[in-house]
Amino acid sequence: MQTIDFELDREFVELNQLLKLAGLCDSGGAGKQLVASGAVRVDGAVELRKTAKIRAGQRVRVGEVEIRIVGM
């Protein structure tokens, strides 16, 4: 499994934007489609809210890639 540490420079980032910023999709729109497909897990649970607020300490997983959200 590949792990990406994403450094959060604000209180939260929307899930679809995180997927774009982490390089897992090309745009926020593609991120929304990925979330809608049920392929994204946040802290182990399927997340279907495209603009869910992701905060430091959470983990987002898409397939074999896990993004660890690190605070400032």
PDB file of N, CA and C in Angstrom:
ATOM      1  N   MET A   1       0.845  -1.181   0.000  1.00  0.00           N
ATOM      2  CA  MET A   1       0.000   0.000   0.000  1.00  0.00           C
ATOM      3  C   MET A   1       0.891   1.244   0.000  1.00  0.00           C
ATOM      4  N   GLN A   2       0.523   2.209  -0.803  1.00  0.00           N
ATOM      5  CA  GLN A   2       1.229   3.492  -0.856  1.00  0.00           C
ATOM      6  C   GLN A   2       0.621   4.430   0.177  1.00  0.00           C
ATOM      7  N   THR A   3       1.467   5.160   0.905  1.00  0.00           N
ATOM      8  CA  THR A   3       0.987   6.123   1.889  1.00  0.00           C
ATOM      9  C   THR A   3       1.469   7.513   1.509  1.00  0.00           C
ATOM     10  N   ILE A   4       0.536   8.465   1.543  1.00  0.00           N
ATOM     11  CA  ILE A   4       0.846   9.864   1.250  1.00  0.00           C
ATOM     12  C   ILE A   4       0.566  10.665   2.511  1.00  0.00           C
ATOM     13  N   ASP A   5       1.531  11.461   2.951  1.00  0.00           N
ATOM     14  CA  ASP A   5       1.299  12.388   4.060  1.00  0.00           C
ATOM     15  C   ASP A   5       0.909  13.727   3.459  1.00  0.00           C
ATOM     16  N   PHE A   6      -0.305  14.179   3.766  1.00  0.00           N
ATOM     17  CA  PHE A   6      -0.809  15.456   3.246  1.00  0.00           C
ATOM     18  C   PHE A   6      -0.804  16.464   4.382  1.00  0.00           C
ATOM     19  N   GLU A   7      -0.008  17.531   4.229  1.00  0.00           N
ATOM     20  CA  GLU A   7       0.084  18.547   5.271  1.00  0.00           C
ATOM     21  C   GLU A   7      -1.033  19.571   5.090  1.00  0.00           C
ATOM     22  N   LEU A   8      -1.903  19.633   6.067  1.00  0.00           N
ATOM     23  CA  LEU A   8      -3.062  20.530   6.040  1.00  0.00           C
ATOM     24  C   LEU A   8      -2.643  21.900   6.557  1.00  0.00           C
ATOM     25  N   ASP A   9      -2.892  22.943   5.759  1.00  0.00           N
ATOM     26  CA  ASP A   9      -2.487  24.297   6.150  1.00  0.00           C
ATOM     27  C   ASP A   9      -3.678  25.158   6.585  1.00  0.00           C
ATOM     28  N   ARG A  10      -4.789  24.511   6.869  1.00  0.00           N
ATOM     29  CA  ARG A  10      -6.010  25.203   7.331  1.00  0.00           C
ATOM     30  C   ARG A  10      -6.799  24.246   8.214  1.00  0.00           C
ATOM     31  N   GLU A  11      -7.986  24.646   8.632  1.00  0.00           N
ATOM     32  CA  GLU A  11      -8.784  23.817   9.549  1.00  0.00           C
ATOM     33  C   GLU A  11      -9.220  22.502   8.910  1.00  0.00           C
ATOM     34  N   PHE A  12      -9.633  22.555   7.643  1.00  0.00           N
ATOM     35  CA  PHE A  12     -10.106  21.353   6.946  1.00  0.00           C
ATOM     36  C   PHE A  12      -9.923  21.515   5.446  1.00  0.00           C
ATOM     37  N   VAL A  13     -10.066  20.414   4.724  1.00  0.00           N
ATOM     38  CA  VAL A  13     -10.087  20.423   3.268  1.00  0.00           C
ATOM     39  C   VAL A  13     -11.262  19.545   2.846  1.00  0.00           C
ATOM     40  N   GLU A  14     -11.970  19.961   1.794  1.00  0.00           N
ATOM     41  CA  GLU A  14     -13.086  19.157   1.303  1.00  0.00           C
ATOM     42  C   GLU A  14     -12.530  17.906   0.620  1.00  0.00           C
ATOM     43  N   LEU A  15     -13.223  16.802   0.802  1.00  0.00           N
ATOM     44  CA  LEU A  15     -12.752  15.507   0.327  1.00  0.00           C
ATOM     45  C   LEU A  15     -12.419  15.518  -1.161  1.00  0.00           C
ATOM     46  N   ASN A  16     -13.299  16.043  -1.997  1.00  0.00           N
ATOM     47  CA  ASN A  16     -13.037  16.037  -3.435  1.00  0.00           C
ATOM     48  C   ASN A  16     -11.783  16.852  -3.779  1.00  0.00           C
ATOM     49  N   GLN A  17     -11.545  17.945  -3.056  1.00  0.00           N
ATOM     50  CA  GLN A  17     -10.346  18.750  -3.287  1.00  0.00           C
ATOM     51  C   GLN A  17      -9.088  18.030  -2.800  1.00  0.00           C
ATOM     52  N   LEU A  18      -9.202  17.314  -1.692  1.00  0.00           N
ATOM     53  CA  LEU A  18      -8.068  16.544  -1.177  1.00  0.00           C
ATOM     54  C   LEU A  18      -7.607  15.526  -2.211  1.00  0.00           C
ATOM     55  N   LEU A  19      -8.549  14.833  -2.821  1.00  0.00           N
ATOM     56  CA  LEU A  19      -8.199  13.826  -3.818  1.00  0.00           C
ATOM     57  C   LEU A  19      -7.449  14.456  -4.986  1.00  0.00           C
ATOM     58  N   LYS A  20      -7.856  15.665  -5.366  1.00  0.00           N
ATOM     59  CA  LYS A  20      -7.170  16.386  -6.438  1.00  0.00           C
ATOM     60  C   LYS A  20      -5.778  16.828  -5.975  1.00  0.00           C
ATOM     61  N   LEU A  21      -5.695  17.446  -4.805  1.00  0.00           N
ATOM     62  CA  LEU A  21      -4.421  17.966  -4.301  1.00  0.00           C
ATOM     63  C   LEU A  21      -3.399  16.854  -4.043  1.00  0.00           C
ATOM     64  N   ALA A  22      -3.882  15.671  -3.680  1.00  0.00           N
ATOM     65  CA  ALA A  22      -2.994  14.537  -3.422  1.00  0.00           C
ATOM     66  C   ALA A  22      -2.583  13.827  -4.708  1.00  0.00           C
ATOM     67  N   GLY A  23      -3.155  14.251  -5.842  1.00  0.00           N
ATOM     68  CA  GLY A  23      -2.789  13.685  -7.128  1.00  0.00           C
ATOM     69  C   GLY A  23      -3.499  12.396  -7.500  1.00  0.00           C
ATOM     70  N   LEU A  24      -4.603  12.097  -6.807  1.00  0.00           N
ATOM     71  CA  LEU A  24      -5.334  10.862  -7.111  1.00  0.00           C
ATOM     72  C   LEU A  24      -6.358  11.040  -8.220  1.00  0.00           C
ATOM     73  N   CYS A  25      -6.640  12.281  -8.591  1.00  0.00           N
ATOM     74  CA  CYS A  25      -7.519  12.558  -9.731  1.00  0.00           C
ATOM     75  C   CYS A  25      -7.118  13.909 -10.317  1.00  0.00           C
ATOM     76  N   ASP A  26      -7.613  14.201 -11.516  1.00  0.00           N
ATOM     77  CA  ASP A  26      -7.180  15.393 -12.241  1.00  0.00           C
ATOM     78  C   ASP A  26      -7.895  16.678 -11.853  1.00  0.00           C
ATOM     79  N   SER A  27      -9.100  16.553 -11.275  1.00  0.00           N
ATOM     80  CA  SER A  27      -9.876  17.754 -10.964  1.00  0.00           C
ATOM     81  C   SER A  27     -10.802  17.494  -9.790  1.00  0.00           C
ATOM     82  N   GLY A  28     -11.373  18.569  -9.252  1.00  0.00           N
ATOM     83  CA  GLY A  28     -12.354  18.429  -8.180  1.00  0.00           C
ATOM     84  C   GLY A  28     -13.576  17.661  -8.656  1.00  0.00           C
ATOM     85  N   GLY A  29     -13.954  17.862  -9.914  1.00  0.00           N
ATOM     86  CA  GLY A  29     -15.099  17.142 -10.481  1.00  0.00           C
ATOM     87  C   GLY A  29     -14.835  15.642 -10.547  1.00  0.00           C
ATOM     88  N   ALA A  30     -13.616  15.282 -10.942  1.00  0.00           N
ATOM     89  CA  ALA A  30     -13.248  13.868 -10.978  1.00  0.00           C
ATOM     90  C   ALA A  30     -13.232  13.307  -9.560  1.00  0.00           C
ATOM     91  N   GLY A  31     -12.830  14.139  -8.600  1.00  0.00           N
ATOM     92  CA  GLY A  31     -12.855  13.727  -7.193  1.00  0.00           C
ATOM     93  C   GLY A  31     -14.267  13.441  -6.733  1.00  0.00           C
ATOM     94  N   LYS A  32     -15.207  14.283  -7.149  1.00  0.00           N
ATOM     95  CA  LYS A  32     -16.616  14.075  -6.784  1.00  0.00           C
ATOM     96  C   LYS A  32     -17.129  12.753  -7.340  1.00  0.00           C
ATOM     97  N   GLN A  33     -16.748  12.440  -8.587  1.00  0.00           N
ATOM     98  CA  GLN A  33     -17.184  11.184  -9.202  1.00  0.00           C
ATOM     99  C   GLN A  33     -16.589   9.984  -8.469  1.00  0.00           C
ATOM    100  N   LEU A  34     -15.328  10.110  -8.057  1.00  0.00           N
ATOM    101  CA  LEU A  34     -14.669   9.037  -7.334  1.00  0.00           C
ATOM    102  C   LEU A  34     -15.372   8.774  -6.006  1.00  0.00           C
ATOM    103  N   VAL A  35     -15.721   9.843  -5.299  1.00  0.00           N
ATOM    104  CA  VAL A  35     -16.433   9.707  -4.019  1.00  0.00           C
ATOM    105  C   VAL A  35     -17.813   9.088  -4.251  1.00  0.00           C
ATOM    106  N   ALA A  36     -18.526   9.576  -5.262  1.00  0.00           N
ATOM    107  CA  ALA A  36     -19.873   9.076  -5.554  1.00  0.00           C
ATOM    108  C   ALA A  36     -19.877   7.595  -5.904  1.00  0.00           C
ATOM    109  N   SER A  37     -18.770   7.099  -6.429  1.00  0.00           N
ATOM    110  CA  SER A  37     -18.696   5.690  -6.823  1.00  0.00           C
ATOM    111  C   SER A  37     -18.567   4.751  -5.623  1.00  0.00           C
ATOM    112  N   GLY A  38     -18.310   5.312  -4.440  1.00  0.00           N
ATOM    113  CA  GLY A  38     -18.175   4.485  -3.245  1.00  0.00           C
ATOM    114  C   GLY A  38     -16.772   3.949  -3.034  1.00  0.00           C
ATOM    115  N   ALA A  39     -15.807   4.466  -3.796  1.00  0.00           N
ATOM    116  CA  ALA A  39     -14.437   3.954  -3.737  1.00  0.00           C
ATOM    117  C   ALA A  39     -13.578   4.602  -2.656  1.00  0.00           C
ATOM    118  N   VAL A  40     -14.131   5.597  -1.950  1.00  0.00           N
ATOM    119  CA  VAL A  40     -13.336   6.352  -0.982  1.00  0.00           C
ATOM    120  C   VAL A  40     -13.770   6.011   0.441  1.00  0.00           C
ATOM    121  N   ARG A  41     -12.781   5.731   1.286  1.00  0.00           N
ATOM    122  CA  ARG A  41     -13.048   5.462   2.702  1.00  0.00           C
ATOM    123  C   ARG A  41     -12.360   6.523   3.551  1.00  0.00           C
ATOM    124  N   VAL A  42     -13.067   6.991   4.566  1.00  0.00           N
ATOM    125  CA  VAL A  42     -12.492   7.933   5.528  1.00  0.00           C
ATOM    126  C   VAL A  42     -12.527   7.248   6.884  1.00  0.00           C
ATOM    127  N   ASP A  43     -11.355   7.096   7.487  1.00  0.00           N
ATOM    128  CA  ASP A  43     -11.223   6.400   8.767  1.00  0.00           C
ATOM    129  C   ASP A  43     -11.904   5.024   8.736  1.00  0.00           C
ATOM    130  N   GLY A  44     -11.789   4.339   7.602  1.00  0.00           N
ATOM    131  CA  GLY A  44     -12.288   2.977   7.475  1.00  0.00           C
ATOM    132  C   GLY A  44     -13.718   2.822   7.001  1.00  0.00           C
ATOM    133  N   ALA A  45     -14.472   3.917   6.928  1.00  0.00           N
ATOM    134  CA  ALA A  45     -15.879   3.840   6.514  1.00  0.00           C
ATOM    135  C   ALA A  45     -16.062   4.492   5.142  1.00  0.00           C
ATOM    136  N   VAL A  46     -16.916   3.896   4.304  1.00  0.00           N
ATOM    137  CA  VAL A  46     -17.207   4.470   2.997  1.00  0.00           C
ATOM    138  C   VAL A  46     -17.799   5.867   3.199  1.00  0.00           C
ATOM    139  N   GLU A  47     -17.258   6.839   2.461  1.00  0.00           N
ATOM    140  CA  GLU A  47     -17.730   8.221   2.551  1.00  0.00           C
ATOM    141  C   GLU A  47     -18.340   8.613   1.214  1.00  0.00           C
ATOM    142  N   LEU A  48     -19.605   8.996   1.229  1.00  0.00           N
ATOM    143  CA  LEU A  48     -20.299   9.380  -0.007  1.00  0.00           C
ATOM    144  C   LEU A  48     -20.547  10.883  -0.109  1.00  0.00           C
ATOM    145  N   ARG A  49     -20.204  11.638   0.935  1.00  0.00           N
ATOM    146  CA  ARG A  49     -20.363  13.100   0.886  1.00  0.00           C
ATOM    147  C   ARG A  49     -19.150  13.687   0.169  1.00  0.00           C
ATOM    148  N   LYS A  50     -19.384  14.226  -1.011  1.00  0.00           N
ATOM    149  CA  LYS A  50     -18.294  14.699  -1.859  1.00  0.00           C
ATOM    150  C   LYS A  50     -17.493  15.825  -1.220  1.00  0.00           C
ATOM    151  N   THR A  51     -18.155  16.660  -0.426  1.00  0.00           N
ATOM    152  CA  THR A  51     -17.466  17.797   0.188  1.00  0.00           C
ATOM    153  C   THR A  51     -17.319  17.619   1.700  1.00  0.00           C
ATOM    154  N   ALA A  52     -17.209  16.374   2.138  1.00  0.00           N
ATOM    155  CA  ALA A  52     -16.995  16.105   3.570  1.00  0.00           C
ATOM    156  C   ALA A  52     -15.742  16.843   4.029  1.00  0.00           C
ATOM    157  N   LYS A  53     -15.798  17.406   5.209  1.00  0.00           N
ATOM    158  CA  LYS A  53     -14.663  18.148   5.751  1.00  0.00           C
ATOM    159  C   LYS A  53     -13.664  17.171   6.359  1.00  0.00           C
ATOM    160  N   ILE A  54     -12.473  17.162   5.814  1.00  0.00           N
ATOM    161  CA  ILE A  54     -11.410  16.266   6.275  1.00  0.00           C
ATOM    162  C   ILE A  54     -10.438  17.092   7.101  1.00  0.00           C
ATOM    163  N   ARG A  55     -10.180  16.616   8.320  1.00  0.00           N
ATOM    164  CA  ARG A  55      -9.339  17.354   9.261  1.00  0.00           C
ATOM    165  C   ARG A  55      -8.083  16.557   9.624  1.00  0.00           C
ATOM    166  N   ALA A  56      -7.140  17.243  10.259  1.00  0.00           N
ATOM    167  CA  ALA A  56      -5.893  16.613  10.693  1.00  0.00           C
ATOM    168  C   ALA A  56      -6.197  15.392  11.554  1.00  0.00           C
ATOM    169  N   GLY A  57      -5.421  14.341  11.354  1.00  0.00           N
ATOM    170  CA  GLY A  57      -5.586  13.115  12.118  1.00  0.00           C
ATOM    171  C   GLY A  57      -6.420  12.061  11.410  1.00  0.00           C
ATOM    172  N   GLN A  58      -7.142  12.463  10.364  1.00  0.00           N
ATOM    173  CA  GLN A  58      -7.967  11.496   9.647  1.00  0.00           C
ATOM    174  C   GLN A  58      -7.136  10.779   8.581  1.00  0.00           C
ATOM    175  N   ARG A  59      -7.675   9.647   8.123  1.00  0.00           N
ATOM    176  CA  ARG A  59      -7.040   8.867   7.058  1.00  0.00           C
ATOM    177  C   ARG A  59      -8.063   8.626   5.956  1.00  0.00           C
ATOM    178  N   VAL A  60      -7.639   8.862   4.728  1.00  0.00           N
ATOM    179  CA  VAL A  60      -8.493   8.663   3.558  1.00  0.00           C
ATOM    180  C   VAL A  60      -7.844   7.586   2.706  1.00  0.00           C
ATOM    181  N   ARG A  61      -8.645   6.614   2.294  1.00  0.00           N
ATOM    182  CA  ARG A  61      -8.110   5.513   1.494  1.00  0.00           C
ATOM    183  C   ARG A  61      -8.876   5.370   0.190  1.00  0.00           C
ATOM    184  N   VAL A  62      -8.121   5.234  -0.893  1.00  0.00           N
ATOM    185  CA  VAL A  62      -8.684   4.967  -2.219  1.00  0.00           C
ATOM    186  C   VAL A  62      -7.882   3.817  -2.795  1.00  0.00           C
ATOM    187  N   GLY A  63      -8.498   2.666  -2.919  1.00  0.00           N
ATOM    188  CA  GLY A  63      -7.789   1.489  -3.419  1.00  0.00           C
ATOM    189  C   GLY A  63      -6.613   1.155  -2.520  1.00  0.00           C
ATOM    190  N   GLU A  64      -5.430   1.112  -3.096  1.00  0.00           N
ATOM    191  CA  GLU A  64      -4.223   0.773  -2.347  1.00  0.00           C
ATOM    192  C   GLU A  64      -3.437   2.005  -1.905  1.00  0.00           C
ATOM    193  N   VAL A  65      -4.086   3.177  -1.936  1.00  0.00           N
ATOM    194  CA  VAL A  65      -3.426   4.425  -1.528  1.00  0.00           C
ATOM    195  C   VAL A  65      -4.107   4.967  -0.278  1.00  0.00           C
ATOM    196  N   GLU A  66      -3.306   5.269   0.738  1.00  0.00           N
ATOM    197  CA  GLU A  66      -3.842   5.879   1.954  1.00  0.00           C
ATOM    198  C   GLU A  66      -3.226   7.268   2.118  1.00  0.00           C
ATOM    199  N   ILE A  67      -4.082   8.252   2.391  1.00  0.00           N
ATOM    200  CA  ILE A  67      -3.621   9.613   2.647  1.00  0.00           C
ATOM    201  C   ILE A  67      -3.779   9.879   4.135  1.00  0.00           C
ATOM    202  N   ARG A  68      -2.667  10.199   4.781  1.00  0.00           N
ATOM    203  CA  ARG A  68      -2.715  10.581   6.200  1.00  0.00           C
ATOM    204  C   ARG A  68      -2.715  12.101   6.268  1.00  0.00           C
ATOM    205  N   ILE A  69      -3.692  12.656   6.964  1.00  0.00           N
ATOM    206  CA  ILE A  69      -3.815  14.108   7.060  1.00  0.00           C
ATOM    207  C   ILE A  69      -3.020  14.562   8.287  1.00  0.00           C
ATOM    208  N   VAL A  70      -2.029  15.404   8.027  1.00  0.00           N
ATOM    209  CA  VAL A  70      -1.137  15.888   9.082  1.00  0.00           C
ATOM    210  C   VAL A  70      -1.412  17.362   9.299  1.00  0.00           C
ATOM    211  N   GLY A  71      -1.566  17.759  10.572  1.00  0.00           N
ATOM    212  CA  GLY A  71      -1.819  19.162  10.900  1.00  0.00           C
ATOM    213  C   GLY A  71      -0.571  20.006  10.821  1.00  0.00           C
ATOM    214  N   MET A  72      -0.753  21.307  10.934  1.00  0.00           N
ATOM    215  CA  MET A  72       0.363  22.257  10.862  1.00  0.00           C
ATOM    216  C   MET A  72       1.230  22.149  12.100  1.00  0.00           C
TER     217      MET A  72
END
